[in-house]
Every structure is written in structure tokens, then in C-alpha cells.
C-alpha atoms as a PDB file:
ATOM      1  CA  UNK A   1       0.000   0.000   0.000  1.00  0.00           C
ATOM      2  CA  UNK A   2       1.176   3.507  -0.679  1.00  0.00           C
ATOM      3  CA  UNK A   3       0.976   5.933   2.258  1.00  0.00           C
ATOM      4  CA  UNK A   4      -2.085   8.134   2.340  1.00  0.00           C
ATOM      5  CA  UNK A   5      -2.647  11.568   3.815  1.00  0.00           C
ATOM      6  CA  UNK A   6      -4.723  11.965   6.954  1.00  0.00           C
ATOM      7  CA  UNK A   7      -8.292  10.816   6.616  1.00  0.00           C
ATOM      8  CA  UNK A   8      -9.499  14.385   7.090  1.00  0.00           C
ATOM      9  CA  UNK A   9      -7.345  16.882   5.128  1.00  0.00           C
ATOM     10  CA  UNK A  10      -8.496  20.403   5.957  1.00  0.00           C
ATOM     11  CA  UNK A  11      -7.365  23.978   5.990  1.00  0.00           C
ATOM     12  CA  UNK A  12      -7.188  24.631   9.699  1.00  0.00           C
ATOM     13  CA  UNK A  13      -7.098  28.389   9.209  1.00  0.00           C
ATOM     14  CA  UNK A  14     -10.386  28.435   7.346  1.00  0.00           C
ATOM     15  CA  UNK A  15      -9.042  29.871   4.070  1.00  0.00           C
ATOM     16  CA  UNK A  16      -7.908  26.970   1.914  1.00  0.00           C
ATOM     17  CA  UNK A  17      -4.672  27.487   0.034  1.00  0.00           C
ATOM     18  CA  UNK A  18      -3.546  25.853  -3.217  1.00  0.00           C
ATOM     19  CA  UNK A  19      -4.212  22.160  -3.677  1.00  0.00           C
ATOM     20  CA  UNK A  20      -1.286  19.785  -3.545  1.00  0.00           C
ATOM     21  CA  UNK A  21      -0.993  16.683  -5.734  1.00  0.00           C
ATOM     22  CA  UNK A  22      -2.810  14.565  -3.167  1.00  0.00           C
ATOM     23  CA  UNK A  23      -5.835  16.849  -3.056  1.00  0.00           C
ATOM     24  CA  UNK A  24      -5.358  18.286   0.436  1.00  0.00           C
ATOM     25  CA  UNK A  25      -5.665  21.996   1.082  1.00  0.00           C
ATOM     26  CA  UNK A  26      -2.243  23.379   2.001  1.00  0.00           C
ATOM     27  CA  UNK A  27      -1.546  26.334   4.262  1.00  0.00           C
ATOM     28  CA  UNK A  28      -0.343  29.446   2.457  1.00  0.00           C
ATOM     29  CA  UNK A  29       3.391  30.229   2.349  1.00  0.00           C
ATOM     30  CA  UNK A  30       3.374  32.712   5.214  1.00  0.00           C
ATOM     31  CA  UNK A  31       1.599  30.243   7.495  1.00  0.00           C
ATOM     32  CA  UNK A  32       3.873  27.427   6.405  1.00  0.00           C
ATOM     33  CA  UNK A  33       6.856  29.596   7.364  1.00  0.00           C
ATOM     34  CA  UNK A  34       5.498  29.772  10.905  1.00  0.00           C
ATOM     35  CA  UNK A  35       4.575  26.127  11.287  1.00  0.00           C
ATOM     36  CA  UNK A  36       6.614  23.034  10.718  1.00  0.00           C
ATOM     37  CA  UNK A  37       4.919  20.029   9.166  1.00  0.00           C
ATOM     38  CA  UNK A  38       4.085  18.385  12.491  1.00  0.00           C
ATOM     39  CA  UNK A  39       2.663  21.613  13.906  1.00  0.00           C
ATOM     40  CA  UNK A  40       0.502  22.168  10.838  1.00  0.00           C
ATOM     41  CA  UNK A  41      -0.805  18.611  11.018  1.00  0.00           C
ATOM     42  CA  UNK A  42      -1.683  19.062  14.679  1.00  0.00           C
ATOM     43  CA  UNK A  43      -3.473  22.310  13.851  1.00  0.00           C
ATOM     44  CA  UNK A  44      -5.468  20.536  11.157  1.00  0.00           C
ATOM     45  CA  UNK A  45      -6.406  17.790  13.607  1.00  0.00           C
ATOM     46  CA  UNK A  46      -7.451  20.303  16.267  1.00  0.00           C
ATOM     47  CA  UNK A  47      -9.652  22.121  13.778  1.00  0.00           C
ATOM     48  CA  UNK A  48     -11.331  18.936  12.627  1.00  0.00           C
ATOM     49  CA  UNK A  49     -11.949  17.880  16.213  1.00  0.00           C
ATOM     50  CA  UNK A  50     -13.682  21.217  16.817  1.00  0.00           C
ATOM     51  CA  UNK A  51     -16.241  20.553  14.058  1.00  0.00           C
ATOM     52  CA  UNK A  52     -19.688  19.815  15.519  1.00  0.00           C
ATOM     53  CA  UNK A  53     -20.774  16.641  13.709  1.00  0.00           C
ATOM     54  CA  UNK A  54     -24.427  17.099  14.600  1.00  0.00           C
ATOM     55  CA  UNK A  55     -26.071  15.705  11.414  1.00  0.00           C
ATOM     56  CA  UNK A  56     -23.647  12.790  11.524  1.00  0.00           C
ATOM     57  CA  UNK A  57     -24.660  12.046  15.122  1.00  0.00           C
ATOM     58  CA  UNK A  58     -28.387  12.285  14.411  1.00  0.00           C
ATOM     59  CA  UNK A  59     -28.502  10.567  11.013  1.00  0.00           C
ATOM     60  CA  UNK A  60     -25.254   9.043   9.786  1.00  0.00           C
ATOM     61  CA  UNK A  61     -23.755   7.151  12.706  1.00  0.00           C
ATOM     62  CA  UNK A  62     -27.061   5.591  13.851  1.00  0.00           C
ATOM     63  CA  UNK A  63     -27.506   4.217  10.314  1.00  0.00           C
ATOM     64  CA  UNK A  64     -24.024   2.684  10.422  1.00  0.00           C
ATOM     65  CA  UNK A  65     -24.579   1.201  13.891  1.00  0.00           C
ATOM     66  CA  UNK A  66     -27.861  -0.325  12.703  1.00  0.00           C
ATOM     67  CA  UNK A  67     -26.244  -1.792   9.589  1.00  0.00           C
ATOM     68  CA  UNK A  68     -23.488  -3.396  11.669  1.00  0.00           C
ATOM     69  CA  UNK A  69     -25.652  -4.561  14.557  1.00  0.00           C
ATOM     70  CA  UNK A  70     -23.742  -2.508  17.116  1.00  0.00           C
ATOM     71  CA  UNK A  71     -25.131  -3.409  20.532  1.00  0.00           C
ATOM     72  CA  UNK A  72     -25.936  -7.019  19.647  1.00  0.00           C
ATOM     73  CA  UNK A  73     -24.154  -9.890  21.374  1.00  0.00           C
ATOM     74  CA  UNK A  74     -22.728 -11.007  18.011  1.00  0.00           C
ATOM     75  CA  UNK A  75     -20.612  -7.845  17.644  1.00  0.00           C
ATOM     76  CA  UNK A  76     -17.859  -7.959  20.241  1.00  0.00           C
ATOM     77  CA  UNK A  77     -14.966  -6.393  18.302  1.00  0.00           C
ATOM     78  CA  UNK A  78     -15.352  -3.461  15.893  1.00  0.00           C
ATOM     79  CA  UNK A  79     -12.791  -1.999  13.508  1.00  0.00           C
ATOM     80  CA  UNK A  80     -13.038   1.784  13.096  1.00  0.00           C
ATOM     81  CA  UNK A  81     -10.901   2.418  10.006  1.00  0.00           C
ATOM     82  CA  UNK A  82      -9.951   6.091   9.747  1.00  0.00           C
ATOM     83  CA  UNK A  83     -10.974   6.885  13.321  1.00  0.00           C
ATOM     84  CA  UNK A  84      -9.693  10.479  13.347  1.00  0.00           C
ATOM     85  CA  UNK A  85      -9.915  12.005  16.849  1.00  0.00           C
ATOM     86  CA  UNK A  86     -11.913   9.077  18.211  1.00  0.00           C
ATOM     87  CA  UNK A  87     -15.438  10.469  18.262  1.00  0.00           C
ATOM     88  CA  UNK A  88     -17.117   7.515  16.558  1.00  0.00           C
ATOM     89  CA  UNK A  89     -15.116   4.895  18.451  1.00  0.00           C
ATOM     90  CA  UNK A  90     -16.241   6.533  21.680  1.00  0.00           C
ATOM     91  CA  UNK A  91     -19.873   6.338  20.572  1.00  0.00           C
ATOM     92  CA  UNK A  92     -19.488   2.633  19.816  1.00  0.00           C
ATOM     93  CA  UNK A  93     -18.295   1.817  23.340  1.00  0.00           C
ATOM     94  CA  UNK A  94     -20.988   4.057  24.825  1.00  0.00           C
ATOM     95  CA  UNK A  95     -23.675   2.226  22.835  1.00  0.00           C
ATOM     96  CA  UNK A  96     -22.411  -1.314  23.398  1.00  0.00           C
ATOM     97  CA  UNK A  97     -20.063  -3.609  25.271  1.00  0.00           C
ATOM     98  CA  UNK A  98     -17.872  -4.065  22.195  1.00  0.00           C
ATOM     99  CA  UNK A  99     -14.138  -3.485  21.986  1.00  0.00           C
ATOM    100  CA  UNK A 100     -12.964  -1.099  19.248  1.00  0.00           C
ATOM    101  CA  UNK A 101      -9.743  -1.181  17.264  1.00  0.00           C
ATOM    102  CA  UNK A 102      -9.512   2.435  16.094  1.00  0.00           C
ATOM    103  CA  UNK A 103      -7.023   2.957  13.265  1.00  0.00           C
ATOM    104  CA  UNK A 104      -5.735   6.078  11.522  1.00  0.00           C
ATOM    105  CA  UNK A 105      -2.789   7.209   9.395  1.00  0.00           C
ATOM    106  CA  UNK A 106      -2.486  10.555  11.211  1.00  0.00           C
ATOM    107  CA  UNK A 107      -0.371  10.699  14.404  1.00  0.00           C
ATOM    108  CA  UNK A 108      -1.912  14.066  15.467  1.00  0.00           C
ATOM    109  CA  UNK A 109      -5.438  12.655  15.133  1.00  0.00           C
ATOM    110  CA  UNK A 110      -4.478   9.710  17.310  1.00  0.00           C
ATOM    111  CA  UNK A 111      -2.761  11.999  19.832  1.00  0.00           C
ATOM    112  CA  UNK A 112      -6.014  13.911  20.258  1.00  0.00           C
ATOM    113  CA  UNK A 113      -8.006  10.675  20.475  1.00  0.00           C
ATOM    114  CA  UNK A 114      -5.750   9.271  23.187  1.00  0.00           C
ATOM    115  CA  UNK A 115      -5.661  12.556  25.114  1.00  0.00           C
ATOM    116  CA  UNK A 116      -9.383  13.398  24.992  1.00  0.00           C
ATOM    117  CA  UNK A 117     -11.159  10.090  24.425  1.00  0.00           C
ATOM    118  CA  UNK A 118      -9.261   7.347  26.211  1.00  0.00           C
ATOM    119  CA  UNK A 119     -11.280   4.261  27.047  1.00  0.00           C
ATOM    120  CA  UNK A 120     -10.283   0.785  28.252  1.00  0.00           C
ATOM    121  CA  UNK A 121     -12.186  -0.812  25.361  1.00  0.00           C
ATOM    122  CA  UNK A 122     -10.659   1.369  22.630  1.00  0.00           C
ATOM    123  CA  UNK A 123      -7.296   0.384  21.178  1.00  0.00           C
ATOM    124  CA  UNK A 124      -5.946   3.282  19.096  1.00  0.00           C
ATOM    125  CA  UNK A 125      -3.518   2.136  16.406  1.00  0.00           C
ATOM    126  CA  UNK A 126      -1.373   3.984  13.863  1.00  0.00           C
ATOM    127  CA  UNK A 127      -1.033   2.571  10.367  1.00  0.00           C
ATOM    128  CA  UNK A 128       1.796   4.035   8.319  1.00  0.00           C
ATOM    129  CA  UNK A 129       0.640   2.689   4.976  1.00  0.00           C
ATOM    130  CA  UNK A 130      -3.057   1.982   5.498  1.00  0.00           C
ATOM    131  CA  UNK A 131      -2.463  -1.710   6.166  1.00  0.00           C
ATOM    132  CA  UNK A 132      -3.787  -3.686   9.135  1.00  0.00           C
ATOM    133  CA  UNK A 133      -0.873  -6.058   9.694  1.00  0.00           C
ATOM    134  CA  UNK A 134      -1.402  -5.907  13.471  1.00  0.00           C
ATOM    135  CA  UNK A 135      -4.794  -7.641  13.061  1.00  0.00           C
ATOM    136  CA  UNK A 136      -5.136 -11.334  12.335  1.00  0.00           C
ATOM    137  CA  UNK A 137      -7.369 -12.759   9.637  1.00  0.00           C
ATOM    138  CA  UNK A 138     -11.002 -12.987  10.775  1.00  0.00           C
ATOM    139  CA  UNK A 139     -10.322 -11.206  14.070  1.00  0.00           C
ATOM    140  CA  UNK A 140     -13.103  -8.572  14.088  1.00  0.00           C
ATOM    141  CA  UNK A 141     -16.877  -8.937  14.048  1.00  0.00           C
ATOM    142  CA  UNK A 142     -17.776  -5.693  12.246  1.00  0.00           C
ATOM    143  CA  UNK A 143     -15.978  -2.828  10.544  1.00  0.00           C
ATOM    144  CA  UNK A 144     -16.728   0.755   9.566  1.00  0.00           C
ATOM    145  CA  UNK A 145     -15.018   3.456   7.538  1.00  0.00           C
ATOM    146  CA  UNK A 146     -16.596   6.857   8.197  1.00  0.00           C
ATOM    147  CA  UNK A 147     -15.647   9.651   5.792  1.00  0.00           C
ATOM    148  CA  UNK A 148     -12.556   7.806   4.601  1.00  0.00           C
ATOM    149  CA  UNK A 149     -13.471   6.997   0.997  1.00  0.00           C
ATOM    150  CA  UNK A 150     -14.347  10.630   0.182  1.00  0.00           C
ATOM    151  CA  UNK A 151     -10.966  11.784   1.452  1.00  0.00           C
ATOM    152  CA  UNK A 152      -9.052   9.138  -0.518  1.00  0.00           C
ATOM    153  CA  UNK A 153      -8.238  10.251  -4.036  1.00  0.00           C
ATOM    154  CA  UNK A 154      -6.724   7.087  -5.523  1.00  0.00           C
ATOM    155  CA  UNK A 155      -9.188   4.327  -6.326  1.00  0.00           C
ATOM    156  CA  UNK A 156      -6.414   1.758  -5.864  1.00  0.00           C
ATOM    157  CA  UNK A 157      -6.282   2.838  -2.211  1.00  0.00           C
ATOM    158  CA  UNK A 158     -10.032   2.279  -1.893  1.00  0.00           C
ATOM    159  CA  UNK A 159      -9.546  -1.271  -3.137  1.00  0.00           C
ATOM    160  CA  UNK A 160      -6.700  -1.773  -0.628  1.00  0.00           C
ATOM    161  CA  UNK A 161      -8.856  -0.546   2.262  1.00  0.00           C
ATOM    162  CA  UNK A 162     -11.730  -2.839   1.298  1.00  0.00           C
ATOM    163  CA  UNK A 163      -9.419  -5.832   0.792  1.00  0.00           C
ATOM    164  CA  UNK A 164      -7.685  -5.389   4.163  1.00  0.00           C
ATOM    165  CA  UNK A 165     -11.017  -4.919   5.900  1.00  0.00           C
ATOM    166  CA  UNK A 166     -12.359  -8.070   4.249  1.00  0.00           C
ATOM    167  CA  UNK A 167      -9.301  -9.999   5.446  1.00  0.00           C
ATOM    168  CA  UNK A 168      -9.654  -9.046   9.119  1.00  0.00           C
ATOM    169  CA  UNK A 169     -13.428  -9.568   9.283  1.00  0.00           C
ATOM    170  CA  UNK A 170     -14.761 -12.920  10.432  1.00  0.00           C
ATOM    171  CA  UNK A 171     -17.125 -14.800   8.092  1.00  0.00           C
ATOM    172  CA  UNK A 172     -20.558 -13.267   8.473  1.00  0.00           C
ATOM    173  CA  UNK A 173     -19.121  -9.926   9.583  1.00  0.00           C
ATOM    174  CA  UNK A 174     -20.377  -6.774   7.907  1.00  0.00           C
ATOM    175  CA  UNK A 175     -18.452  -3.741   6.636  1.00  0.00           C
ATOM    176  CA  UNK A 176     -20.207  -0.350   6.423  1.00  0.00           C
ATOM    177  CA  UNK A 177     -18.893   2.729   4.633  1.00  0.00           C
ATOM    178  CA  UNK A 178     -20.350   6.114   5.598  1.00  0.00           C
ATOM    179  CA  UNK A 179     -19.714   9.121   3.373  1.00  0.00           C
ATOM    180  CA  UNK A 180     -21.295  12.322   2.182  1.00  0.00           C
ATOM    181  CA  UNK A 181     -24.001  11.408  -0.334  1.00  0.00           C
ATOM    182  CA  UNK A 182     -22.767  12.015  -3.901  1.00  0.00           C
ATOM    183  CA  UNK A 183     -26.366  12.653  -5.004  1.00  0.00           C
ATOM    184  CA  UNK A 184     -26.704  15.684  -2.716  1.00  0.00           C
ATOM    185  CA  UNK A 185     -23.392  17.340  -3.490  1.00  0.00           C
ATOM    186  CA  UNK A 186     -23.716  21.136  -3.296  1.00  0.00           C
ATOM    187  CA  UNK A 187     -26.729  21.163  -0.937  1.00  0.00           C
ATOM    188  CA  UNK A 188     -26.278  23.264   2.190  1.00  0.00           C
ATOM    189  CA  UNK A 189     -27.008  21.108   5.217  1.00  0.00           C
ATOM    190  CA  UNK A 190     -27.094  22.271   8.822  1.00  0.00           C
ATOM    191  CA  UNK A 191     -23.362  22.204   9.464  1.00  0.00           C
ATOM    192  CA  UNK A 192     -21.729  21.401   6.132  1.00  0.00           C
ATOM    193  CA  UNK A 193     -21.803  21.563   2.353  1.00  0.00           C
ATOM    194  CA  UNK A 194     -19.851  19.157   0.172  1.00  0.00           C
ATOM    195  CA  UNK A 195     -18.844  20.671  -3.161  1.00  0.00           C
ATOM    196  CA  UNK A 196     -20.070  23.769  -4.949  1.00  0.00           C
ATOM    197  CA  UNK A 197     -23.798  24.311  -5.643  1.00  0.00           C
ATOM    198  CA  UNK A 198     -24.842  23.548  -9.208  1.00  0.00           C
ATOM    199  CA  UNK A 199     -21.584  21.918 -10.180  1.00  0.00           C
ATOM    200  CA  UNK A 200     -21.429  18.379 -11.592  1.00  0.00           C
ATOM    201  CA  UNK A 201     -18.389  16.414 -10.435  1.00  0.00           C
ATOM    202  CA  UNK A 202     -16.791  13.488 -12.225  1.00  0.00           C
ATOM    203  CA  UNK A 203     -15.593  10.231 -10.668  1.00  0.00           C
ATOM    204  CA  UNK A 204     -12.747  10.900  -8.253  1.00  0.00           C
ATOM    205  CA  UNK A 205     -12.727  14.658  -8.895  1.00  0.00           C
ATOM    206  CA  UNK A 206     -11.545  16.884  -6.069  1.00  0.00           C
ATOM    207  CA  UNK A 207     -14.143  19.173  -4.550  1.00  0.00           C
ATOM    208  CA  UNK A 208     -13.874  21.884  -1.952  1.00  0.00           C
ATOM    209  CA  UNK A 209     -16.303  21.635   0.938  1.00  0.00           C
ATOM    210  CA  UNK A 210     -17.316  23.718   3.924  1.00  0.00           C
ATOM    211  CA  UNK A 211     -17.702  22.697   7.573  1.00  0.00           C
ATOM    212  CA  UNK A 212     -19.145  25.203  10.009  1.00  0.00           C
ATOM    213  CA  UNK A 213     -17.555  25.755  13.412  1.00  0.00           C
ATOM    214  CA  UNK A 214     -19.955  25.622  16.376  1.00  0.00           C
ATOM    215  CA  UNK A 215     -18.309  28.753  17.835  1.00  0.00           C
ATOM    216  CA  UNK A 216     -19.091  30.758  14.697  1.00  0.00           C
ATOM    217  CA  UNK A 217     -15.431  31.046  13.704  1.00  0.00           C
ATOM    218  CA  UNK A 218     -14.078  30.802  10.190  1.00  0.00           C
ATOM    219  CA  UNK A 219     -15.397  27.641   8.522  1.00  0.00           C
ATOM    220  CA  UNK A 220     -13.161  24.693   7.763  1.00  0.00           C
ATOM    221  CA  UNK A 221     -12.611  23.974   4.090  1.00  0.00           C
ATOM    222  CA  UNK A 222     -11.682  20.346   3.470  1.00  0.00           C
ATOM    223  CA  UNK A 223     -10.911  19.136  -0.016  1.00  0.00           C
ATOM    224  CA  UNK A 224     -12.293  15.682  -0.678  1.00  0.00           C
ATOM    225  CA  UNK A 225     -13.212  13.523  -3.676  1.00  0.00           C
ATOM    226  CA  UNK A 226     -16.447  12.755  -5.453  1.00  0.00           C
ATOM    227  CA  UNK A 227     -17.179   9.040  -5.756  1.00  0.00           C
ATOM    228  CA  UNK A 228     -20.526   7.967  -7.284  1.00  0.00           C
ATOM    229  CA  UNK A 229     -22.521   5.279  -5.521  1.00  0.00           C
ATOM    230  CA  UNK A 230     -21.518   2.673  -8.106  1.00  0.00           C
ATOM    231  CA  UNK A 231     -17.869   3.094  -7.085  1.00  0.00           C
ATOM    232  CA  UNK A 232     -18.675   1.950  -3.544  1.00  0.00           C
ATOM    233  CA  UNK A 233     -20.554  -1.086  -4.858  1.00  0.00           C
ATOM    234  CA  UNK A 234     -17.743  -1.951  -7.260  1.00  0.00           C
ATOM    235  CA  UNK A 235     -15.027  -1.609  -4.596  1.00  0.00           C
ATOM    236  CA  UNK A 236     -16.838  -3.687  -1.975  1.00  0.00           C
ATOM    237  CA  UNK A 237     -17.879  -6.273  -4.542  1.00  0.00           C
ATOM    238  CA  UNK A 238     -14.349  -6.702  -5.871  1.00  0.00           C
ATOM    239  CA  UNK A 239     -13.058  -7.200  -2.314  1.00  0.00           C
ATOM    240  CA  UNK A 240     -15.443 -10.145  -1.933  1.00  0.00           C
ATOM    241  CA  UNK A 241     -18.307  -8.589   0.001  1.00  0.00           C
ATOM    242  CA  UNK A 242     -21.778  -9.859  -0.827  1.00  0.00           C
ATOM    243  CA  UNK A 243     -25.331  -8.934   0.162  1.00  0.00           C
ATOM    244  CA  UNK A 244     -24.488  -5.338  -0.703  1.00  0.00           C
ATOM    245  CA  UNK A 245     -26.882  -2.716   0.621  1.00  0.00           C
ATOM    246  CA  UNK A 246     -27.224   1.007  -0.091  1.00  0.00           C
ATOM    247  CA  UNK A 247     -28.969   3.222   2.432  1.00  0.00           C
ATOM    248  CA  UNK A 248     -29.580   6.971   2.152  1.00  0.00           C
ATOM    249  CA  UNK A 249     -30.918   8.012   5.573  1.00  0.00           C
ATOM    250  CA  UNK A 250     -32.828  11.245   6.136  1.00  0.00           C
ATOM    251  CA  UNK A 251     -33.939  12.992   9.300  1.00  0.00           C
ATOM    252  CA  UNK A 252     -37.036  11.090  10.435  1.00  0.00           C
ATOM    253  CA  UNK A 253     -37.868  13.242  13.452  1.00  0.00           C
ATOM    254  CA  UNK A 254     -37.429  16.967  13.755  1.00  0.00           C
ATOM    255  CA  UNK A 255     -34.724  18.238  16.064  1.00  0.00           C
ATOM    256  CA  UNK A 256     -34.569  21.798  17.301  1.00  0.00           C
ATOM    257  CA  UNK A 257     -30.794  21.445  17.093  1.00  0.00           C
ATOM    258  CA  UNK A 258     -31.002  21.478  13.286  1.00  0.00           C
ATOM    259  CA  UNK A 259     -33.365  24.434  13.014  1.00  0.00           C
ATOM    260  CA  UNK A 260     -36.932  24.909  11.761  1.00  0.00           C
ATOM    261  CA  UNK A 261     -36.674  23.491   8.237  1.00  0.00           C
ATOM    262  CA  UNK A 262     -33.426  21.513   7.885  1.00  0.00           C
ATOM    263  CA  UNK A 263     -32.345  20.254   4.485  1.00  0.00           C
ATOM    264  CA  UNK A 264     -31.688  16.892   6.133  1.00  0.00           C
ATOM    265  CA  UNK A 265     -35.455  16.282   6.353  1.00  0.00           C
ATOM    266  CA  UNK A 266     -35.903  16.226   2.582  1.00  0.00           C
ATOM    267  CA  UNK A 267     -32.481  15.380   1.187  1.00  0.00           C
ATOM    268  CA  UNK A 268     -30.280  12.482   2.331  1.00  0.00           C
ATOM    269  CA  UNK A 269     -26.956  14.007   3.427  1.00  0.00           C
ATOM    270  CA  UNK A 270     -25.175  10.675   3.782  1.00  0.00           C
ATOM    271  CA  UNK A 271     -24.623   7.425   1.953  1.00  0.00           C
ATOM    272  CA  UNK A 272     -24.175   4.116   3.808  1.00  0.00           C
ATOM    273  CA  UNK A 273     -22.971   1.182   1.709  1.00  0.00           C
ATOM    274  CA  UNK A 274     -22.461  -2.144   3.454  1.00  0.00           C
ATOM    275  CA  UNK A 275     -21.668  -5.726   2.646  1.00  0.00           C
ATOM    276  CA  UNK A 276     -21.062  -9.110   4.287  1.00  0.00           C
ATOM    277  CA  UNK A 277     -18.002 -11.343   4.267  1.00  0.00           C
ATOM    278  CA  UNK A 278     -19.152 -14.854   3.411  1.00  0.00           C
END
């Protein structure tokens, strides 16, 4: 596997600079002069951790947990691939008795996770190249990858992620991928917008997005990639997953937290694609 950038490349200062070859927003020259690479990465991680993932909490993560059977006695070990600062892993252990192996390529993300979200049932692991060599074949009951595919620009890397996940899952285990819905690109949701309104993106094309800060500060501007739904089905199918399912959840009950007329009630903000290892 070739090394990948952090699962959540963002411009921590709010104003995204030029795009590098990998698709991540880089800090401008004056900022780069003030920050070394490690400091900039930590700043990016801090900014991402500050994002209030409210629609994800209300709509996206519950759909993933349902797809995987989180909370059932059959799911004792969960792989969180691309765990970032540990928010989702923490929700898994709060919602169940399962143990979580939380993996990321970003040392600063894992530093934040270990500092702010330690838990005896969460094992945070660094992967330098995206591989899962520290996990044995068939050693986990369920696996998730939340907002990892959209931030991965090389389709070969998507195939590697799916193949490694398939290897470490036990027979009968399910893998669920949660991402921004490619069909609602450009729609302004309560806390985010993926891509520019009215623009049509091609397979794998980079797109600039916008994440609002809960404190009203300058928005974060991640640069991710547009993958149509068929790409997810093709990648999981090639890895050997069967019983593929596509779910586009919407807000089923109004929440004052999302405002009077949230876009999430009429447009599915997320895509959940899952499959089973036979």
C-alpha cells in the first residue's frame, strides 16, 4: 500500500490554500513559514476535532450502527478504520459492550483521540501505509469506515482498504462505509456543504467543501473527492463482500438542534454502503 494523507485533510485556518498533488488543502506560504509540518498537522487535527458533527450524530452514525448490529451480542470487536480524533469509536463503546480497534494514518489525530477520548475498550492504532498487519485474519466482528473513501483520491487505495477490511473480518461480519451522499453534493445542510452548488463532479474529482464551526469562527474547508454510488458497490464487490446494501438516511424526526426546516429532512446528506463477508 502507498501511504495516504490523513483521513481528514483540511485547511485549519479556514481559508484553503492551493491544492497539492494529493488533493489536500495546504496552508499558504506565510503560514507554512510559521509552522513546521508536524505543527501544521496538529493544527489541522485540532480544527477537525472542533467541528460539531451534529447531522452525523443524528442521522449518519445511527444508520451505520444499525447496519453493523452494534449493541448485539454477536458484535464484540469493531474496527473503526480512519478513526480520526476518536469520536465515533467513543460512541461505539458508549452504545455497546464491544471493543474497538480504532485505526488512523495521522499521528496528530491519534494523539487527540488518546488525550481526549481514552477508554479501556478502545485500542488506538497507527497505520503508516493503510495496512492492518497488526490484526489477524477474521479477528473482528464488524468494521466501519466513516468519511474515509471521500478523502481518498486514488481508487487503488479504496480497493486496498476494502481488501484489508475483508481480510480481518470474520465470516458473516459486515463492513459499512459512511460518506457524504454524492447525489446531494452542493446542498447546504445544517453544518456542512460538500462541493459547490450547481456543479457536476466526475468520478474521483476533487471538490472543496465547507464545515461550520460551532463557535461561529471561520469555517473549515476540506478538499475531498467525489465518488458515485456505483464506485462503492464496485469496490466492496471486488473485495469479496456480498449482500451489498445502499442506504440513504434522512432525518425522520425533527430536532430543534437542526433548526426549523433543515435540508436533512428532505435530502439524504449521507450514503451508507455495506456488505457481508461470506
